[in-house]
Amino acid sequence: MHQPPPLPGARPAGPGWWRRHWRWALPLTVLLTTAAAAGLIWFVLVQWSQFSRGSEPYQEAMRRARCSVDLVAHLGEPIQDGFLPMGGMESSSTGTGSSQFVVQLRGPHGKGRLFLQAQREQGQWDYPMLYVLVKDAEPIDLTALDDAEAAQECALEACRGQGDCPVSVVPLEV
């Protein structure tokens, strides 16, 4: 069977869109897919960071770190935490849970790493391991006070109030 002759004035069909534009469309598709994947990964990391930083163990660890006279003497003020804490958190509806984090700390005079392990029993958090490693110094233990006492006071504010802070701990100018 033969094809009918083309209509007068009609042009023969040319190559399709993809055949004409693949040289720029393919790299653009790959680039957009890669950018979307990177954007999704970035979004997940930001959400994890915000979730971690908002947790009660993380907040308590940072409060203790900022109230530690020894740590402020090594790192200076203000003490800031890194963008992405490493670790994990588990909790159950029965009031139990656990949390383990490693947080990068930095201040005007140096850097350190905060190690946190917390256990929750009956809705109360306990911190059996909470210390900071700084360069050229012994680990700084932040579990020295029991949890009830630690929640009520800040050693740095107390030492400033009494005027007996070490020389290296200079008050923050506000």
N, C-alpha and C. Protein backbone atom coordinates (compact mmCIF):
# COMPACT_ATOMS: atom_id res chain seq x y z
N MET A 1 0.84 -1.16 0.00
CA MET A 1 0.00 0.00 0.00
C MET A 1 0.89 1.23 0.00
N HIS A 2 0.46 2.23 -0.72
CA HIS A 2 1.25 3.44 -0.89
C HIS A 2 0.65 4.58 -0.09
N GLN A 3 1.55 5.48 0.34
CA GLN A 3 1.08 6.70 1.01
C GLN A 3 0.45 7.62 -0.02
N PRO A 4 -0.61 8.33 0.38
CA PRO A 4 -1.17 9.28 -0.55
C PRO A 4 -0.21 10.44 -0.74
N PRO A 5 -0.28 11.11 -1.87
CA PRO A 5 0.63 12.24 -2.08
C PRO A 5 0.29 13.38 -1.12
N PRO A 6 1.30 14.19 -0.70
CA PRO A 6 1.04 15.28 0.22
C PRO A 6 0.12 16.31 -0.41
N LEU A 7 -0.61 16.99 0.45
CA LEU A 7 -1.49 18.05 -0.01
C LEU A 7 -0.67 19.19 -0.57
N PRO A 8 -1.18 19.86 -1.56
CA PRO A 8 -0.41 20.97 -2.11
C PRO A 8 -0.22 22.07 -1.06
N GLY A 9 0.96 22.60 -0.90
CA GLY A 9 1.29 23.67 0.05
C GLY A 9 1.64 23.16 1.45
N ALA A 10 1.45 21.89 1.74
CA ALA A 10 1.79 21.33 3.06
C ALA A 10 3.27 21.00 3.12
N ARG A 11 3.86 21.23 4.27
CA ARG A 11 5.29 20.92 4.44
C ARG A 11 5.43 19.55 5.08
N PRO A 12 6.47 18.85 4.75
CA PRO A 12 6.66 17.56 5.41
C PRO A 12 7.00 17.78 6.88
N ALA A 13 6.55 16.84 7.75
CA ALA A 13 6.81 16.94 9.19
C ALA A 13 8.31 16.84 9.44
N GLY A 14 8.81 17.79 10.24
CA GLY A 14 10.23 17.80 10.57
C GLY A 14 10.50 16.97 11.81
N PRO A 15 11.74 16.99 12.30
CA PRO A 15 12.07 16.24 13.52
C PRO A 15 11.29 16.81 14.71
N GLY A 16 11.01 15.98 15.71
CA GLY A 16 10.25 16.39 16.89
C GLY A 16 11.03 17.35 17.78
N TRP A 17 10.33 17.83 18.84
CA TRP A 17 10.91 18.81 19.75
C TRP A 17 12.16 18.26 20.42
N TRP A 18 12.08 17.06 20.94
CA TRP A 18 13.23 16.49 21.66
C TRP A 18 14.42 16.34 20.72
N ARG A 19 14.22 15.91 19.54
CA ARG A 19 15.33 15.72 18.60
C ARG A 19 16.00 17.06 18.27
N ARG A 20 15.21 18.13 18.25
CA ARG A 20 15.77 19.45 17.94
C ARG A 20 16.45 20.11 19.13
N HIS A 21 16.03 19.81 20.37
CA HIS A 21 16.49 20.57 21.55
C HIS A 21 17.19 19.72 22.61
N TRP A 22 17.50 18.48 22.33
CA TRP A 22 18.06 17.62 23.36
C TRP A 22 19.40 18.09 23.88
N ARG A 23 20.17 18.81 23.09
CA ARG A 23 21.51 19.23 23.51
C ARG A 23 21.50 20.18 24.70
N TRP A 24 20.47 20.98 24.85
CA TRP A 24 20.37 21.86 26.02
C TRP A 24 19.33 21.34 27.01
N ALA A 25 18.33 20.57 26.56
CA ALA A 25 17.27 20.10 27.44
C ALA A 25 17.78 19.01 28.39
N LEU A 26 18.62 18.13 27.91
CA LEU A 26 19.14 17.06 28.76
C LEU A 26 20.00 17.60 29.91
N PRO A 27 21.00 18.45 29.65
CA PRO A 27 21.76 19.00 30.78
C PRO A 27 20.89 19.81 31.74
N LEU A 28 19.92 20.55 31.20
CA LEU A 28 19.04 21.32 32.07
C LEU A 28 18.20 20.40 32.96
N THR A 29 17.72 19.30 32.43
CA THR A 29 16.94 18.34 33.21
C THR A 29 17.79 17.73 34.32
N VAL A 30 19.01 17.35 33.99
CA VAL A 30 19.92 16.79 35.00
C VAL A 30 20.22 17.83 36.07
N LEU A 31 20.48 19.05 35.67
CA LEU A 31 20.78 20.12 36.63
C LEU A 31 19.59 20.39 37.55
N LEU A 32 18.40 20.48 37.00
CA LEU A 32 17.21 20.73 37.82
C LEU A 32 16.92 19.57 38.78
N THR A 33 17.11 18.35 38.32
CA THR A 33 16.90 17.19 39.19
C THR A 33 17.92 17.18 40.33
N THR A 34 19.17 17.47 40.02
CA THR A 34 20.21 17.53 41.05
C THR A 34 19.93 18.65 42.04
N ALA A 35 19.51 19.81 41.56
CA ALA A 35 19.19 20.93 42.44
C ALA A 35 18.00 20.60 43.34
N ALA A 36 17.00 19.92 42.80
CA ALA A 36 15.83 19.54 43.61
C ALA A 36 16.23 18.54 44.69
N ALA A 37 17.09 17.58 44.37
CA ALA A 37 17.56 16.60 45.36
C ALA A 37 18.39 17.29 46.44
N ALA A 38 19.28 18.20 46.04
CA ALA A 38 20.09 18.94 47.02
C ALA A 38 19.20 19.81 47.90
N GLY A 39 18.19 20.44 47.31
CA GLY A 39 17.26 21.25 48.09
C GLY A 39 16.49 20.42 49.10
N LEU A 40 16.07 19.23 48.71
CA LEU A 40 15.35 18.34 49.62
C LEU A 40 16.26 17.91 50.78
N ILE A 41 17.50 17.56 50.46
CA ILE A 41 18.45 17.16 51.51
C ILE A 41 18.70 18.33 52.46
N TRP A 42 18.89 19.52 51.93
CA TRP A 42 19.10 20.72 52.76
C TRP A 42 17.89 20.96 53.66
N PHE A 43 16.69 20.84 53.13
CA PHE A 43 15.47 21.03 53.92
C PHE A 43 15.40 20.04 55.06
N VAL A 44 15.70 18.77 54.79
CA VAL A 44 15.67 17.74 55.84
C VAL A 44 16.71 18.05 56.92
N LEU A 45 17.92 18.47 56.53
CA LEU A 45 18.96 18.79 57.51
C LEU A 45 18.56 19.99 58.38
N VAL A 46 17.96 21.00 57.78
CA VAL A 46 17.52 22.17 58.56
C VAL A 46 16.42 21.77 59.53
N GLN A 47 15.48 20.94 59.09
CA GLN A 47 14.41 20.50 59.98
C GLN A 47 14.98 19.67 61.13
N TRP A 48 15.94 18.79 60.85
CA TRP A 48 16.55 17.98 61.91
C TRP A 48 17.29 18.88 62.90
N SER A 49 18.01 19.87 62.38
CA SER A 49 18.74 20.79 63.24
C SER A 49 17.78 21.53 64.16
N GLN A 50 16.68 22.03 63.62
CA GLN A 50 15.72 22.76 64.46
C GLN A 50 15.06 21.83 65.47
N PHE A 51 14.73 20.62 65.06
CA PHE A 51 14.13 19.65 65.98
C PHE A 51 15.10 19.33 67.11
N SER A 52 16.35 19.06 66.76
CA SER A 52 17.37 18.72 67.78
C SER A 52 17.59 19.87 68.74
N ARG A 53 17.75 21.07 68.20
CA ARG A 53 18.03 22.23 69.04
C ARG A 53 16.86 22.58 69.96
N GLY A 54 15.67 22.21 69.58
CA GLY A 54 14.50 22.50 70.40
C GLY A 54 14.24 21.47 71.48
N SER A 55 14.98 20.37 71.47
CA SER A 55 14.73 19.31 72.45
C SER A 55 15.21 19.75 73.84
N GLU A 56 14.56 19.21 74.86
CA GLU A 56 14.89 19.57 76.24
C GLU A 56 16.33 19.20 76.62
N PRO A 57 16.83 18.00 76.26
CA PRO A 57 18.23 17.69 76.62
C PRO A 57 19.23 18.64 75.97
N TYR A 58 19.02 18.99 74.72
CA TYR A 58 19.92 19.91 74.02
C TYR A 58 19.89 21.29 74.68
N GLN A 59 18.70 21.78 74.98
CA GLN A 59 18.57 23.09 75.62
C GLN A 59 19.27 23.11 76.99
N GLU A 60 19.09 22.05 77.75
CA GLU A 60 19.72 21.98 79.07
C GLU A 60 21.25 21.89 78.94
N ALA A 61 21.73 21.12 77.98
CA ALA A 61 23.18 21.00 77.77
C ALA A 61 23.78 22.35 77.39
N MET A 62 23.12 23.09 76.51
CA MET A 62 23.63 24.40 76.10
C MET A 62 23.55 25.39 77.26
N ARG A 63 22.50 25.32 78.08
CA ARG A 63 22.40 26.21 79.24
C ARG A 63 23.56 25.95 80.19
N ARG A 64 23.84 24.66 80.46
CA ARG A 64 24.95 24.32 81.35
C ARG A 64 26.28 24.75 80.76
N ALA A 65 26.45 24.57 79.46
CA ALA A 65 27.71 24.97 78.82
C ALA A 65 27.92 26.47 78.95
N ARG A 66 26.87 27.26 78.72
CA ARG A 66 27.00 28.72 78.80
C ARG A 66 27.15 29.21 80.23
N CYS A 67 26.79 28.37 81.21
CA CYS A 67 26.92 28.75 82.61
C CYS A 67 28.19 28.21 83.26
N SER A 68 28.99 27.46 82.53
CA SER A 68 30.20 26.87 83.08
C SER A 68 31.34 27.89 83.10
N VAL A 69 31.87 28.16 84.28
CA VAL A 69 32.98 29.10 84.42
C VAL A 69 34.21 28.58 83.69
N ASP A 70 34.51 27.28 83.83
CA ASP A 70 35.68 26.70 83.18
C ASP A 70 35.57 26.76 81.66
N LEU A 71 34.40 26.47 81.14
CA LEU A 71 34.24 26.49 79.69
C LEU A 71 34.32 27.90 79.13
N VAL A 72 33.73 28.87 79.82
CA VAL A 72 33.82 30.26 79.37
C VAL A 72 35.27 30.74 79.44
N ALA A 73 36.03 30.25 80.42
CA ALA A 73 37.44 30.62 80.51
C ALA A 73 38.22 30.10 79.30
N HIS A 74 37.86 28.92 78.78
CA HIS A 74 38.56 28.35 77.63
C HIS A 74 38.08 28.90 76.29
N LEU A 75 36.76 29.05 76.13
CA LEU A 75 36.22 29.44 74.83
C LEU A 75 35.87 30.91 74.72
N GLY A 76 35.66 31.58 75.83
CA GLY A 76 35.21 32.97 75.81
C GLY A 76 33.70 33.05 75.65
N GLU A 77 33.21 34.26 75.57
CA GLU A 77 31.77 34.47 75.41
C GLU A 77 31.51 35.32 74.19
N PRO A 78 30.45 35.11 73.51
CA PRO A 78 29.40 34.11 73.73
C PRO A 78 29.80 32.75 73.18
N ILE A 79 29.26 31.70 73.80
CA ILE A 79 29.48 30.35 73.32
C ILE A 79 28.34 30.04 72.36
N GLN A 80 28.70 29.64 71.15
CA GLN A 80 27.70 29.34 70.13
C GLN A 80 27.81 27.87 69.73
N ASP A 81 26.67 27.30 69.38
CA ASP A 81 26.66 25.91 68.94
C ASP A 81 26.76 25.84 67.42
N GLY A 82 27.19 24.70 66.94
CA GLY A 82 27.32 24.49 65.50
C GLY A 82 25.96 24.30 64.84
N PHE A 83 25.96 24.29 63.52
CA PHE A 83 24.70 24.21 62.77
C PHE A 83 23.99 22.88 62.95
N LEU A 84 24.70 21.79 62.82
CA LEU A 84 24.07 20.49 62.79
C LEU A 84 24.60 19.59 63.89
N PRO A 85 23.81 19.38 64.95
CA PRO A 85 24.25 18.43 65.97
C PRO A 85 24.19 17.01 65.43
N MET A 86 25.15 16.19 65.83
CA MET A 86 25.16 14.79 65.42
C MET A 86 24.60 13.96 66.56
N GLY A 87 23.83 12.96 66.24
CA GLY A 87 23.29 12.10 67.27
C GLY A 87 21.85 11.76 67.00
N GLY A 88 21.16 11.37 68.04
CA GLY A 88 19.78 10.96 67.89
C GLY A 88 19.01 11.08 69.17
N MET A 89 17.71 10.90 69.03
CA MET A 89 16.82 11.03 70.17
C MET A 89 15.69 10.02 70.02
N GLU A 90 15.32 9.39 71.12
CA GLU A 90 14.19 8.46 71.14
C GLU A 90 13.31 8.83 72.31
N SER A 91 12.01 8.72 72.12
CA SER A 91 11.10 8.91 73.24
C SER A 91 9.87 8.05 73.01
N SER A 92 9.21 7.73 74.10
CA SER A 92 8.00 6.92 74.01
C SER A 92 6.88 7.61 74.77
N SER A 93 5.70 7.14 74.57
CA SER A 93 4.54 7.74 75.24
C SER A 93 4.49 7.38 76.72
N THR A 94 5.32 6.45 77.17
CA THR A 94 5.32 6.06 78.58
C THR A 94 6.18 6.97 79.44
N GLY A 95 6.80 7.98 78.84
CA GLY A 95 7.64 8.91 79.61
C GLY A 95 9.10 8.53 79.66
N THR A 96 9.50 7.53 78.90
CA THR A 96 10.91 7.16 78.86
C THR A 96 11.51 7.61 77.53
N GLY A 97 12.82 7.70 77.52
CA GLY A 97 13.49 8.10 76.30
C GLY A 97 14.98 8.21 76.51
N SER A 98 15.67 8.47 75.43
CA SER A 98 17.12 8.66 75.51
C SER A 98 17.53 9.65 74.43
N SER A 99 18.68 10.25 74.67
CA SER A 99 19.20 11.25 73.75
C SER A 99 20.71 11.20 73.79
N GLN A 100 21.33 11.23 72.61
CA GLN A 100 22.78 11.28 72.49
C GLN A 100 23.10 12.31 71.41
N PHE A 101 23.93 13.28 71.77
CA PHE A 101 24.33 14.31 70.81
C PHE A 101 25.81 14.62 70.96
N VAL A 102 26.41 15.02 69.85
CA VAL A 102 27.73 15.63 69.84
C VAL A 102 27.53 16.98 69.16
N VAL A 103 27.87 18.05 69.87
CA VAL A 103 27.61 19.40 69.39
C VAL A 103 28.92 20.16 69.30
N GLN A 104 29.16 20.79 68.17
CA GLN A 104 30.34 21.63 68.01
C GLN A 104 30.07 22.96 68.72
N LEU A 105 31.00 23.40 69.56
CA LEU A 105 30.90 24.68 70.25
C LEU A 105 32.03 25.58 69.79
N ARG A 106 31.76 26.87 69.76
CA ARG A 106 32.84 27.81 69.43
C ARG A 106 32.60 29.10 70.18
N GLY A 107 33.71 29.73 70.50
CA GLY A 107 33.69 31.02 71.16
C GLY A 107 34.81 31.86 70.59
N PRO A 108 34.97 33.08 71.08
CA PRO A 108 36.01 33.96 70.55
C PRO A 108 37.43 33.43 70.76
N HIS A 109 37.64 32.56 71.77
CA HIS A 109 38.99 32.10 72.08
C HIS A 109 39.26 30.65 71.68
N GLY A 110 38.28 29.94 71.16
CA GLY A 110 38.54 28.55 70.79
C GLY A 110 37.29 27.80 70.43
N LYS A 111 37.51 26.49 70.22
CA LYS A 111 36.43 25.59 69.83
C LYS A 111 36.43 24.39 70.75
N GLY A 112 35.31 23.72 70.81
CA GLY A 112 35.19 22.52 71.61
C GLY A 112 34.06 21.65 71.09
N ARG A 113 33.95 20.44 71.68
CA ARG A 113 32.86 19.54 71.34
C ARG A 113 32.16 19.12 72.61
N LEU A 114 30.85 19.27 72.60
CA LEU A 114 30.02 18.89 73.74
C LEU A 114 29.46 17.50 73.49
N PHE A 115 29.64 16.61 74.46
CA PHE A 115 29.12 15.25 74.37
C PHE A 115 27.99 15.12 75.37
N LEU A 116 26.84 14.68 74.90
CA LEU A 116 25.65 14.61 75.73
C LEU A 116 25.03 13.23 75.62
N GLN A 117 24.74 12.64 76.76
CA GLN A 117 23.92 11.44 76.80
C GLN A 117 22.91 11.66 77.91
N ALA A 118 21.64 11.50 77.58
CA ALA A 118 20.58 11.74 78.55
C ALA A 118 19.59 10.59 78.52
N GLN A 119 19.02 10.30 79.68
CA GLN A 119 18.00 9.27 79.83
C GLN A 119 16.77 9.90 80.47
N ARG A 120 15.60 9.56 79.97
CA ARG A 120 14.37 10.07 80.56
C ARG A 120 13.60 8.91 81.17
N GLU A 121 13.29 9.07 82.44
CA GLU A 121 12.48 8.10 83.18
C GLU A 121 11.34 8.88 83.83
N GLN A 122 10.14 8.41 83.62
CA GLN A 122 8.94 9.03 84.19
C GLN A 122 8.88 10.53 83.90
N GLY A 123 9.26 10.92 82.71
CA GLY A 123 9.17 12.30 82.28
C GLY A 123 10.29 13.21 82.75
N GLN A 124 11.25 12.72 83.52
CA GLN A 124 12.38 13.52 84.03
C GLN A 124 13.66 13.10 83.33
N TRP A 125 14.41 14.10 82.85
CA TRP A 125 15.68 13.82 82.18
C TRP A 125 16.81 13.73 83.18
N ASP A 126 17.69 12.75 82.98
CA ASP A 126 18.91 12.59 83.77
C ASP A 126 20.07 12.61 82.79
N TYR A 127 21.18 13.26 83.20
CA TYR A 127 22.32 13.45 82.31
C TYR A 127 23.55 12.72 82.86
N PRO A 128 23.67 11.41 82.61
CA PRO A 128 24.83 10.68 83.14
C PRO A 128 26.14 11.06 82.46
N MET A 129 26.08 11.56 81.22
CA MET A 129 27.30 11.96 80.53
C MET A 129 27.06 13.31 79.86
N LEU A 130 27.79 14.30 80.32
CA LEU A 130 27.67 15.65 79.75
C LEU A 130 29.01 16.35 79.99
N TYR A 131 29.84 16.39 78.96
CA TYR A 131 31.15 17.02 79.12
C TYR A 131 31.57 17.68 77.80
N VAL A 132 32.58 18.53 77.89
CA VAL A 132 33.09 19.25 76.73
C VAL A 132 34.58 18.98 76.61
N LEU A 133 35.02 18.68 75.39
CA LEU A 133 36.45 18.55 75.10
C LEU A 133 36.92 19.82 74.41
N VAL A 134 37.96 20.42 74.97
CA VAL A 134 38.58 21.58 74.34
C VAL A 134 40.05 21.26 74.11
N LYS A 135 40.66 21.94 73.17
CA LYS A 135 42.05 21.66 72.81
C LYS A 135 42.98 22.00 73.98
N ASP A 136 43.95 21.13 74.21
CA ASP A 136 44.99 21.33 75.22
C ASP A 136 44.44 21.53 76.62
N ALA A 137 43.37 20.82 76.98
CA ALA A 137 42.82 20.92 78.33
C ALA A 137 42.13 19.61 78.68
N GLU A 138 41.95 19.40 79.96
CA GLU A 138 41.20 18.25 80.44
C GLU A 138 39.73 18.41 80.05
N PRO A 139 39.00 17.31 79.94
CA PRO A 139 37.56 17.42 79.66
C PRO A 139 36.87 18.23 80.76
N ILE A 140 35.92 19.05 80.37
CA ILE A 140 35.17 19.87 81.32
C ILE A 140 33.85 19.17 81.58
N ASP A 141 33.69 18.72 82.82
CA ASP A 141 32.49 17.97 83.21
C ASP A 141 31.36 18.93 83.53
N LEU A 142 30.23 18.75 82.88
CA LEU A 142 29.07 19.60 83.14
C LEU A 142 28.00 18.87 83.95
N THR A 143 28.33 17.67 84.46
CA THR A 143 27.38 16.92 85.27
C THR A 143 27.69 17.06 86.76
N ALA A 144 28.52 18.02 87.13
CA ALA A 144 28.96 18.14 88.52
C ALA A 144 27.79 18.34 89.48
N LEU A 145 26.81 19.09 89.09
CA LEU A 145 25.64 19.30 89.94
C LEU A 145 24.56 18.31 89.57
N ASP A 146 23.74 17.93 90.58
CA ASP A 146 22.62 17.08 90.21
C ASP A 146 21.60 17.92 89.44
N ASP A 147 20.68 17.29 88.78
CA ASP A 147 19.81 17.98 87.84
C ASP A 147 18.91 19.03 88.49
N ALA A 148 18.38 18.76 89.66
CA ALA A 148 17.51 19.74 90.32
C ALA A 148 18.28 21.00 90.69
N GLU A 149 19.50 20.82 91.20
CA GLU A 149 20.33 21.96 91.58
C GLU A 149 20.81 22.73 90.34
N ALA A 150 21.19 21.98 89.30
CA ALA A 150 21.70 22.61 88.09
C ALA A 150 20.63 23.44 87.39
N ALA A 151 19.39 23.02 87.47
CA ALA A 151 18.31 23.75 86.81
C ALA A 151 18.01 25.07 87.49
N GLN A 152 18.42 25.24 88.72
CA GLN A 152 18.09 26.44 89.48
C GLN A 152 19.17 27.51 89.46
N GLU A 153 20.40 27.16 89.13
CA GLU A 153 21.46 28.16 89.22
C GLU A 153 22.40 28.13 88.03
N CYS A 154 23.04 29.24 87.81
CA CYS A 154 24.05 29.37 86.77
C CYS A 154 25.34 29.77 87.48
N ALA A 155 26.34 28.89 87.44
CA ALA A 155 27.59 29.14 88.16
C ALA A 155 28.28 30.41 87.68
N LEU A 156 28.19 30.70 86.40
CA LEU A 156 28.82 31.89 85.85
C LEU A 156 28.19 33.16 86.40
N GLU A 157 26.87 33.20 86.45
CA GLU A 157 26.19 34.37 87.01
C GLU A 157 26.48 34.51 88.50
N ALA A 158 26.54 33.38 89.22
CA ALA A 158 26.85 33.42 90.64
C ALA A 158 28.26 33.95 90.88
N CYS A 159 29.23 33.51 90.08
CA CYS A 159 30.61 33.96 90.28
C CYS A 159 30.74 35.44 89.94
N ARG A 160 30.00 35.89 88.93
CA ARG A 160 30.03 37.32 88.60
C ARG A 160 29.35 38.15 89.69
N GLY A 161 28.28 37.60 90.24
CA GLY A 161 27.58 38.32 91.31
C GLY A 161 28.44 38.47 92.55
N GLN A 162 29.26 37.46 92.85
CA GLN A 162 30.13 37.51 94.02
C GLN A 162 31.45 38.20 93.71
N GLY A 163 31.76 38.39 92.45
CA GLY A 163 33.00 39.06 92.07
C GLY A 163 34.23 38.21 92.20
N ASP A 164 34.10 36.87 92.21
CA ASP A 164 35.27 36.01 92.37
C ASP A 164 35.50 35.10 91.16
N CYS A 165 35.19 35.60 89.96
CA CYS A 165 35.47 34.84 88.73
C CYS A 165 36.96 34.88 88.44
N PRO A 166 37.46 33.85 87.75
CA PRO A 166 38.86 33.90 87.31
C PRO A 166 39.08 35.10 86.39
N VAL A 167 40.30 35.54 86.30
CA VAL A 167 40.65 36.71 85.51
C VAL A 167 40.28 36.51 84.03
N SER A 168 40.40 35.29 83.54
CA SER A 168 40.13 35.05 82.12
C SER A 168 38.65 35.13 81.77
N VAL A 169 37.76 35.15 82.76
CA VAL A 169 36.33 35.27 82.48
C VAL A 169 35.92 36.72 82.61
N VAL A 170 35.84 37.39 81.47
CA VAL A 170 35.50 38.82 81.44
C VAL A 170 34.01 38.95 81.20
N PRO A 171 33.31 39.79 81.94
CA PRO A 171 31.86 39.94 81.71
C PRO A 171 31.56 40.45 80.31
N LEU A 172 30.45 39.98 79.78
CA LEU A 172 30.00 40.42 78.46
C LEU A 172 29.48 41.85 78.56
N GLU A 173 29.88 42.66 77.60
CA GLU A 173 29.34 44.03 77.55
C GLU A 173 28.03 43.99 76.78
N VAL A 174 27.01 44.60 77.34
CA VAL A 174 25.70 44.60 76.69
C VAL A 174 25.36 45.97 76.20
